[in-house]
PDB file of N, CA and C in Angstrom:
ATOM      1  N   MET A   1      94.398  72.625 127.256  1.00  0.00           N
ATOM      2  CA  MET A   1      94.450  73.533 126.241  1.00  0.00           C
ATOM      3  C   MET A   1      94.167  75.096 126.610  1.00  0.00           C
ATOM      4  N   THR A   2      94.766  75.831 126.298  1.00  0.00           N
ATOM      5  CA  THR A   2      94.427  77.205 126.853  1.00  0.00           C
ATOM      6  C   THR A   2      94.163  77.925 125.539  1.00  0.00           C
ATOM      7  N   LYS A   3      93.111  79.013 125.925  1.00  0.00           N
ATOM      8  CA  LYS A   3      92.701  79.823 124.803  1.00  0.00           C
ATOM      9  C   LYS A   3      93.483  81.211 124.757  1.00  0.00           C
ATOM     10  N   GLU A   4      93.617  81.549 123.562  1.00  0.00           N
ATOM     11  CA  GLU A   4      94.505  82.822 123.572  1.00  0.00           C
ATOM     12  C   GLU A   4      93.526  83.861 122.938  1.00  0.00           C
ATOM     13  N   THR A   5      93.426  84.966 123.449  1.00  0.00           N
ATOM     14  CA  THR A   5      92.765  85.908 122.965  1.00  0.00           C
ATOM     15  C   THR A   5      93.649  87.120 122.346  1.00  0.00           C
ATOM     16  N   THR A   6      93.384  87.428 121.046  1.00  0.00           N
ATOM     17  CA  THR A   6      94.060  88.625 120.547  1.00  0.00           C
ATOM     18  C   THR A   6      93.196  89.770 120.366  1.00  0.00           C
ATOM     19  N   GLU A   7      93.610  90.757 120.958  1.00  0.00           N
ATOM     20  CA  GLU A   7      93.028  92.163 120.858  1.00  0.00           C
ATOM     21  C   GLU A   7      93.378  92.884 119.458  1.00  0.00           C
ATOM     22  N   ILE A   8      92.511  93.297 118.696  1.00  0.00           N
ATOM     23  CA  ILE A   8      92.779  93.928 117.673  1.00  0.00           C
ATOM     24  C   ILE A   8      92.777  95.508 117.931  1.00  0.00           C
ATOM     25  N   ARG A   9      93.926  95.950 117.357  1.00  0.00           N
ATOM     26  CA  ARG A   9      94.365  97.366 117.648  1.00  0.00           C
ATOM     27  C   ARG A   9      93.793  98.309 116.551  1.00  0.00           C
ATOM     28  N   ARG A  10      93.129  99.345 116.667  1.00  0.00           N
ATOM     29  CA  ARG A  10      92.389 100.297 115.619  1.00  0.00           C
ATOM     30  C   ARG A  10      93.509 101.222 115.580  1.00  0.00           C
ATOM     31  N   SER A  11      93.794 101.980 114.518  1.00  0.00           N
ATOM     32  CA  SER A  11      94.365 103.092 114.231  1.00  0.00           C
ATOM     33  C   SER A  11      93.510 104.297 114.898  1.00  0.00           C
ATOM     34  N   GLN A  12      94.600 105.150 115.347  1.00  0.00           N
ATOM     35  CA  GLN A  12      94.158 106.320 116.212  1.00  0.00           C
ATOM     36  C   GLN A  12      94.073 107.436 115.238  1.00  0.00           C
ATOM     37  N   ARG A  13      94.651 107.399 114.061  1.00  0.00           N
ATOM     38  CA  ARG A  13      94.793 108.277 113.128  1.00  0.00           C
ATOM     39  C   ARG A  13      93.488 108.970 112.602  1.00  0.00           C
ATOM     40  N   VAL A  14      93.598 110.345 112.657  1.00  0.00           N
ATOM     41  CA  VAL A  14      92.433 111.215 112.137  1.00  0.00           C
ATOM     42  C   VAL A  14      92.243 110.924 110.770  1.00  0.00           C
ATOM     43  N   ARG A  15      91.014 110.837 110.169  1.00  0.00           N
ATOM     44  CA  ARG A  15      90.765 110.464 108.797  1.00  0.00           C
ATOM     45  C   ARG A  15      90.083 111.539 108.181  1.00  0.00           C
ATOM     46  N   PHE A  16      90.434 112.246 106.955  1.00  0.00           N
ATOM     47  CA  PHE A  16      89.864 113.193 106.160  1.00  0.00           C
ATOM     48  C   PHE A  16      89.329 112.557 104.931  1.00  0.00           C
ATOM     49  N   PRO A  17      88.188 113.103 104.453  1.00  0.00           N
ATOM     50  CA  PRO A  17      87.867 112.643 103.119  1.00  0.00           C
ATOM     51  C   PRO A  17      88.789 113.092 102.054  1.00  0.00           C
ATOM     52  N   SER A  18      88.869 112.456 100.811  1.00  0.00           N
ATOM     53  CA  SER A  18      89.763 113.028  99.753  1.00  0.00           C
ATOM     54  C   SER A  18      89.200 114.396  99.127  1.00  0.00           C
ATOM     55  N   THR A  19      90.102 115.116  99.005  1.00  0.00           N
ATOM     56  CA  THR A  19      89.757 116.532  98.559  1.00  0.00           C
ATOM     57  C   THR A  19      89.300 116.462  97.097  1.00  0.00           C
ATOM     58  N   ARG A  20      89.892 115.381  96.253  1.00  0.00           N
ATOM     59  CA  ARG A  20      89.344 115.156  94.875  1.00  0.00           C
ATOM     60  C   ARG A  20      87.701 114.811  94.711  1.00  0.00           C
ATOM     61  N   LEU A  21      87.269 114.336  95.916  1.00  0.00           N
ATOM     62  CA  LEU A  21      86.045 113.787  95.863  1.00  0.00           C
ATOM     63  C   LEU A  21      84.996 114.754  96.619  1.00  0.00           C
ATOM     64  N   LYS A  22      85.406 116.179  96.983  1.00  0.00           N
ATOM     65  CA  LYS A  22      84.500 116.919  97.739  1.00  0.00           C
ATOM     66  C   LYS A  22      83.407 117.470  97.163  1.00  0.00           C
ATOM     67  N   GLU A  23      83.100 117.090  95.747  1.00  0.00           N
ATOM     68  CA  GLU A  23      82.006 117.583  94.999  1.00  0.00           C
ATOM     69  C   GLU A  23      80.908 116.458  95.156  1.00  0.00           C
ATOM     70  N   HIS A  24      81.096 115.300  95.584  1.00  0.00           N
ATOM     71  CA  HIS A  24      80.366 114.260  95.631  1.00  0.00           C
ATOM     72  C   HIS A  24      79.602 113.992  97.187  1.00  0.00           C
ATOM     73  N   GLU A  25      78.451 113.387  96.946  1.00  0.00           N
ATOM     74  CA  GLU A  25      77.720 113.115  98.282  1.00  0.00           C
ATOM     75  C   GLU A  25      77.972 111.640  98.522  1.00  0.00           C
ATOM     76  N   PHE A  26      78.428 111.526  99.996  1.00  0.00           N
ATOM     77  CA  PHE A  26      78.936 110.322 100.535  1.00  0.00           C
ATOM     78  C   PHE A  26      77.824 109.764 101.379  1.00  0.00           C
ATOM     79  N   PHE A  27      77.591 108.644 101.420  1.00  0.00           N
ATOM     80  CA  PHE A  27      76.786 107.832 102.387  1.00  0.00           C
ATOM     81  C   PHE A  27      77.557 106.880 103.237  1.00  0.00           C
ATOM     82  N   VAL A  28      77.312 106.661 104.419  1.00  0.00           N
ATOM     83  CA  VAL A  28      77.827 105.858 105.257  1.00  0.00           C
ATOM     84  C   VAL A  28      77.235 104.489 105.363  1.00  0.00           C
ATOM     85  N   ASN A  29      76.091 104.597 104.833  1.00  0.00           N
ATOM     86  CA  ASN A  29      75.227 103.491 104.997  1.00  0.00           C
ATOM     87  C   ASN A  29      75.098 102.614 103.887  1.00  0.00           C
ATOM     88  N   SER A  30      74.988 101.292 103.533  1.00  0.00           N
ATOM     89  CA  SER A  30      74.572 100.580 102.503  1.00  0.00           C
ATOM     90  C   SER A  30      73.267 100.174 102.476  1.00  0.00           C
ATOM     91  N   GLU A  31      72.721  99.593 101.511  1.00  0.00           N
ATOM     92  CA  GLU A  31      71.329  99.193 101.301  1.00  0.00           C
ATOM     93  C   GLU A  31      71.190  97.827 100.800  1.00  0.00           C
ATOM     94  N   VAL A  32      70.182  97.352 101.435  1.00  0.00           N
ATOM     95  CA  VAL A  32      69.897  95.975 100.786  1.00  0.00           C
ATOM     96  C   VAL A  32      68.633  96.116  99.860  1.00  0.00           C
ATOM     97  N   THR A  33      68.836  95.636  98.634  1.00  0.00           N
ATOM     98  CA  THR A  33      67.755  95.901  97.819  1.00  0.00           C
ATOM     99  C   THR A  33      66.631  94.688  97.891  1.00  0.00           C
ATOM    100  N   TYR A  34      65.405  94.986  97.270  1.00  0.00           N
ATOM    101  CA  TYR A  34      64.232  94.069  97.128  1.00  0.00           C
ATOM    102  C   TYR A  34      64.707  92.701  96.949  1.00  0.00           C
ATOM    103  N   SER A  35      65.685  92.587  96.157  1.00  0.00           N
ATOM    104  CA  SER A  35      66.215  91.226  95.535  1.00  0.00           C
ATOM    105  C   SER A  35      67.191  90.578  96.875  1.00  0.00           C
ATOM    106  N   GLY A  36      67.454  91.176  97.824  1.00  0.00           N
ATOM    107  CA  GLY A  36      68.337  90.963  98.710  1.00  0.00           C
ATOM    108  C   GLY A  36      69.779  91.039  98.439  1.00  0.00           C
ATOM    109  N   GLU A  37      70.122  91.879  97.306  1.00  0.00           N
ATOM    110  CA  GLU A  37      71.449  92.201  97.179  1.00  0.00           C
ATOM    111  C   GLU A  37      72.021  93.412  97.789  1.00  0.00           C
ATOM    112  N   LEU A  38      73.263  93.331  98.432  1.00  0.00           N
ATOM    113  CA  LEU A  38      73.724  94.459  98.993  1.00  0.00           C
ATOM    114  C   LEU A  38      74.437  95.592  98.100  1.00  0.00           C
ATOM    115  N   SER A  39      74.033  96.814  98.374  1.00  0.00           N
ATOM    116  CA  SER A  39      74.251  97.958  97.472  1.00  0.00           C
ATOM    117  C   SER A  39      74.856  98.873  98.003  1.00  0.00           C
ATOM    118  N   HIS A  40      76.220  99.252  97.439  1.00  0.00           N
ATOM    119  CA  HIS A  40      76.716 100.303  98.182  1.00  0.00           C
ATOM    120  C   HIS A  40      76.660 101.665  97.397  1.00  0.00           C
ATOM    121  N   PHE A  41      76.194 102.798  98.079  1.00  0.00           N
ATOM    122  CA  PHE A  41      75.764 103.780  97.616  1.00  0.00           C
ATOM    123  C   PHE A  41      77.022 104.600  96.797  1.00  0.00           C
ATOM    124  N   ALA A  42      78.118 104.328  97.137  1.00  0.00           N
ATOM    125  CA  ALA A  42      79.525 104.803  96.618  1.00  0.00           C
ATOM    126  C   ALA A  42      79.335 104.754  95.101  1.00  0.00           C
ATOM    127  N   PHE A  43      79.056 103.268  94.573  1.00  0.00           N
ATOM    128  CA  PHE A  43      78.927 103.044  93.126  1.00  0.00           C
ATOM    129  C   PHE A  43      77.901 104.041  92.427  1.00  0.00           C
ATOM    130  N   TYR A  44      77.034 104.718  93.046  1.00  0.00           N
ATOM    131  CA  TYR A  44      76.096 105.422  92.284  1.00  0.00           C
ATOM    132  C   TYR A  44      76.515 106.814  92.367  1.00  0.00           C
ATOM    133  N   ALA A  45      77.623 107.141  92.725  1.00  0.00           N
ATOM    134  CA  ALA A  45      77.913 108.817  92.813  1.00  0.00           C
ATOM    135  C   ALA A  45      77.862 109.500  91.500  1.00  0.00           C
ATOM    136  N   ARG A  46      76.546 109.817  91.198  1.00  0.00           N
ATOM    137  CA  ARG A  46      76.354 110.647  89.757  1.00  0.00           C
ATOM    138  C   ARG A  46      77.090 109.944  88.675  1.00  0.00           C
ATOM    139  N   ALA A  47      77.043 108.550  88.676  1.00  0.00           N
ATOM    140  CA  ALA A  47      77.607 108.073  87.477  1.00  0.00           C
ATOM    141  C   ALA A  47      76.621 107.630  86.537  1.00  0.00           C
ATOM    142  N   GLU A  48      75.529 106.794  86.759  1.00  0.00           N
ATOM    143  CA  GLU A  48      74.655 106.216  86.190  1.00  0.00           C
ATOM    144  C   GLU A  48      73.137 106.414  86.771  1.00  0.00           C
ATOM    145  N   PRO A  49      72.223 106.423  86.015  1.00  0.00           N
ATOM    146  CA  PRO A  49      70.745 106.396  86.642  1.00  0.00           C
ATOM    147  C   PRO A  49      70.521 105.323  87.519  1.00  0.00           C
ATOM    148  N   ILE A  50      69.849 105.187  88.298  1.00  0.00           N
ATOM    149  CA  ILE A  50      69.588 104.051  89.286  1.00  0.00           C
ATOM    150  C   ILE A  50      68.629 103.173  88.627  1.00  0.00           C
ATOM    151  N   SER A  51      67.711 103.705  88.059  1.00  0.00           N
ATOM    152  CA  SER A  51      66.529 102.950  87.566  1.00  0.00           C
ATOM    153  C   SER A  51      66.207 103.457  86.078  1.00  0.00           C
ATOM    154  N   TRP A  52      65.386 102.599  85.532  1.00  0.00           N
ATOM    155  CA  TRP A  52      65.010 102.703  84.223  1.00  0.00           C
ATOM    156  C   TRP A  52      64.200 103.850  83.898  1.00  0.00           C
ATOM    157  N   GLU A  53      63.409 104.400  85.050  1.00  0.00           N
ATOM    158  CA  GLU A  53      62.582 105.420  85.006  1.00  0.00           C
ATOM    159  C   GLU A  53      63.436 106.773  84.888  1.00  0.00           C
ATOM    160  N   GLN A  54      64.725 106.542  85.700  1.00  0.00           N
ATOM    161  CA  GLN A  54      65.557 107.690  85.783  1.00  0.00           C
ATOM    162  C   GLN A  54      66.309 108.008  84.426  1.00  0.00           C
ATOM    163  N   ALA A  55      66.641 106.937  83.879  1.00  0.00           N
ATOM    164  CA  ALA A  55      67.362 106.671  82.397  1.00  0.00           C
ATOM    165  C   ALA A  55      66.408 107.301  81.534  1.00  0.00           C
ATOM    166  N   LEU A  56      65.132 107.069  81.480  1.00  0.00           N
ATOM    167  CA  LEU A  56      64.350 107.498  80.418  1.00  0.00           C
ATOM    168  C   LEU A  56      64.198 109.165  80.430  1.00  0.00           C
ATOM    169  N   SER A  57      64.302 109.673  81.506  1.00  0.00           N
ATOM    170  CA  SER A  57      64.245 110.998  81.842  1.00  0.00           C
ATOM    171  C   SER A  57      65.604 111.795  81.425  1.00  0.00           C
ATOM    172  N   ILE A  58      66.609 111.089  80.942  1.00  0.00           N
ATOM    173  CA  ILE A  58      67.842 111.845  80.501  1.00  0.00           C
ATOM    174  C   ILE A  58      67.815 111.495  79.078  1.00  0.00           C
ATOM    175  N   LYS A  59      68.079 112.472  78.145  1.00  0.00           N
ATOM    176  CA  LYS A  59      68.047 112.325  76.752  1.00  0.00           C
ATOM    177  C   LYS A  59      68.810 111.141  76.076  1.00  0.00           C
ATOM    178  N   GLU A  60      70.456 111.343  76.629  1.00  0.00           N
ATOM    179  CA  GLU A  60      71.303 110.493  76.247  1.00  0.00           C
ATOM    180  C   GLU A  60      70.946 109.156  76.506  1.00  0.00           C
ATOM    181  N   TRP A  61      70.498 108.845  77.799  1.00  0.00           N
ATOM    182  CA  TRP A  61      70.253 107.500  78.377  1.00  0.00           C
ATOM    183  C   TRP A  61      69.177 106.830  77.467  1.00  0.00           C
ATOM    184  N   LYS A  62      68.054 107.633  77.284  1.00  0.00           N
ATOM    185  CA  LYS A  62      66.917 107.216  76.477  1.00  0.00           C
ATOM    186  C   LYS A  62      67.325 106.764  75.126  1.00  0.00           C
ATOM    187  N   ASN A  63      68.240 107.718  74.456  1.00  0.00           N
ATOM    188  CA  ASN A  63      68.736 107.244  73.085  1.00  0.00           C
ATOM    189  C   ASN A  63      69.547 105.902  73.046  1.00  0.00           C
ATOM    190  N   ALA A  64      70.363 105.877  74.175  1.00  0.00           N
ATOM    191  CA  ALA A  64      71.134 104.530  74.377  1.00  0.00           C
ATOM    192  C   ALA A  64      70.372 103.422  74.454  1.00  0.00           C
ATOM    193  N   MET A  65      69.220 103.476  75.160  1.00  0.00           N
ATOM    194  CA  MET A  65      68.490 102.326  75.143  1.00  0.00           C
ATOM    195  C   MET A  65      67.436 102.097  74.089  1.00  0.00           C
ATOM    196  N   ILE A  66      67.132 103.063  73.454  1.00  0.00           N
ATOM    197  CA  ILE A  66      66.543 102.776  72.063  1.00  0.00           C
ATOM    198  C   ILE A  66      67.510 102.181  71.151  1.00  0.00           C
ATOM    199  N   GLU A  67      68.682 102.750  70.965  1.00  0.00           N
ATOM    200  CA  GLU A  67      69.664 102.038  70.059  1.00  0.00           C
ATOM    201  C   GLU A  67      70.037 100.501  70.429  1.00  0.00           C
ATOM    202  N   GLU A  68      70.175 100.188  71.785  1.00  0.00           N
ATOM    203  CA  GLU A  68      70.468  98.858  72.257  1.00  0.00           C
ATOM    204  C   GLU A  68      69.192  98.106  71.740  1.00  0.00           C
ATOM    205  N   LEU A  69      67.903  98.570  72.008  1.00  0.00           N
ATOM    206  CA  LEU A  69      66.703  97.721  71.441  1.00  0.00           C
ATOM    207  C   LEU A  69      66.779  97.470  69.953  1.00  0.00           C
ATOM    208  N   LYS A  70      67.154  98.403  69.231  1.00  0.00           N
ATOM    209  CA  LYS A  70      67.316  98.358  67.821  1.00  0.00           C
ATOM    210  C   LYS A  70      68.425  97.349  67.340  1.00  0.00           C
ATOM    211  N   ALA A  71      69.330  97.161  68.052  1.00  0.00           N
ATOM    212  CA  ALA A  71      70.437  96.162  67.870  1.00  0.00           C
ATOM    213  C   ALA A  71      69.979  94.853  68.250  1.00  0.00           C
ATOM    214  N   ILE A  72      69.218  94.844  69.126  1.00  0.00           N
ATOM    215  CA  ILE A  72      68.788  93.333  69.642  1.00  0.00           C
ATOM    216  C   ILE A  72      67.711  92.928  68.778  1.00  0.00           C
ATOM    217  N   GLU A  73      66.842  93.694  68.155  1.00  0.00           N
ATOM    218  CA  GLU A  73      65.896  93.585  67.088  1.00  0.00           C
ATOM    219  C   GLU A  73      66.616  93.046  65.691  1.00  0.00           C
ATOM    220  N   ARG A  74      67.654  93.840  65.453  1.00  0.00           N
ATOM    221  CA  ARG A  74      68.490  93.556  64.142  1.00  0.00           C
ATOM    222  C   ARG A  74      69.242  92.320  64.245  1.00  0.00           C
ATOM    223  N   ASN A  75      69.768  92.057  65.345  1.00  0.00           N
ATOM    224  CA  ASN A  75      70.406  90.693  65.634  1.00  0.00           C
ATOM    225  C   ASN A  75      69.566  89.691  65.933  1.00  0.00           C
ATOM    226  N   ARG A  76      68.248  89.703  66.139  1.00  0.00           N
ATOM    227  CA  ARG A  76      67.463  88.692  66.589  1.00  0.00           C
ATOM    228  C   ARG A  76      67.968  88.036  67.785  1.00  0.00           C
ATOM    229  N   THR A  77      68.455  88.705  68.793  1.00  0.00           N
ATOM    230  CA  THR A  77      69.063  88.067  69.778  1.00  0.00           C
ATOM    231  C   THR A  77      67.939  88.411  71.308  1.00  0.00           C
TER     232      THR A  77
END
């Protein structure tokens, strides 16, 4: 029995970031959270607060959390 090795060829194309995303910050690294989950920073690109402390500092998010708590109490869930 002979072993065959296949060499993976990588593209030599020069890559440039998308021009439509030039206003966003990019991180090439990912982070493993305390709970052991892999978190890709790209998902956090100015979309939502990362923690509840950050959410409380933003009026719209604080109001949304209050409304959600009211709905939970109203529905007794």
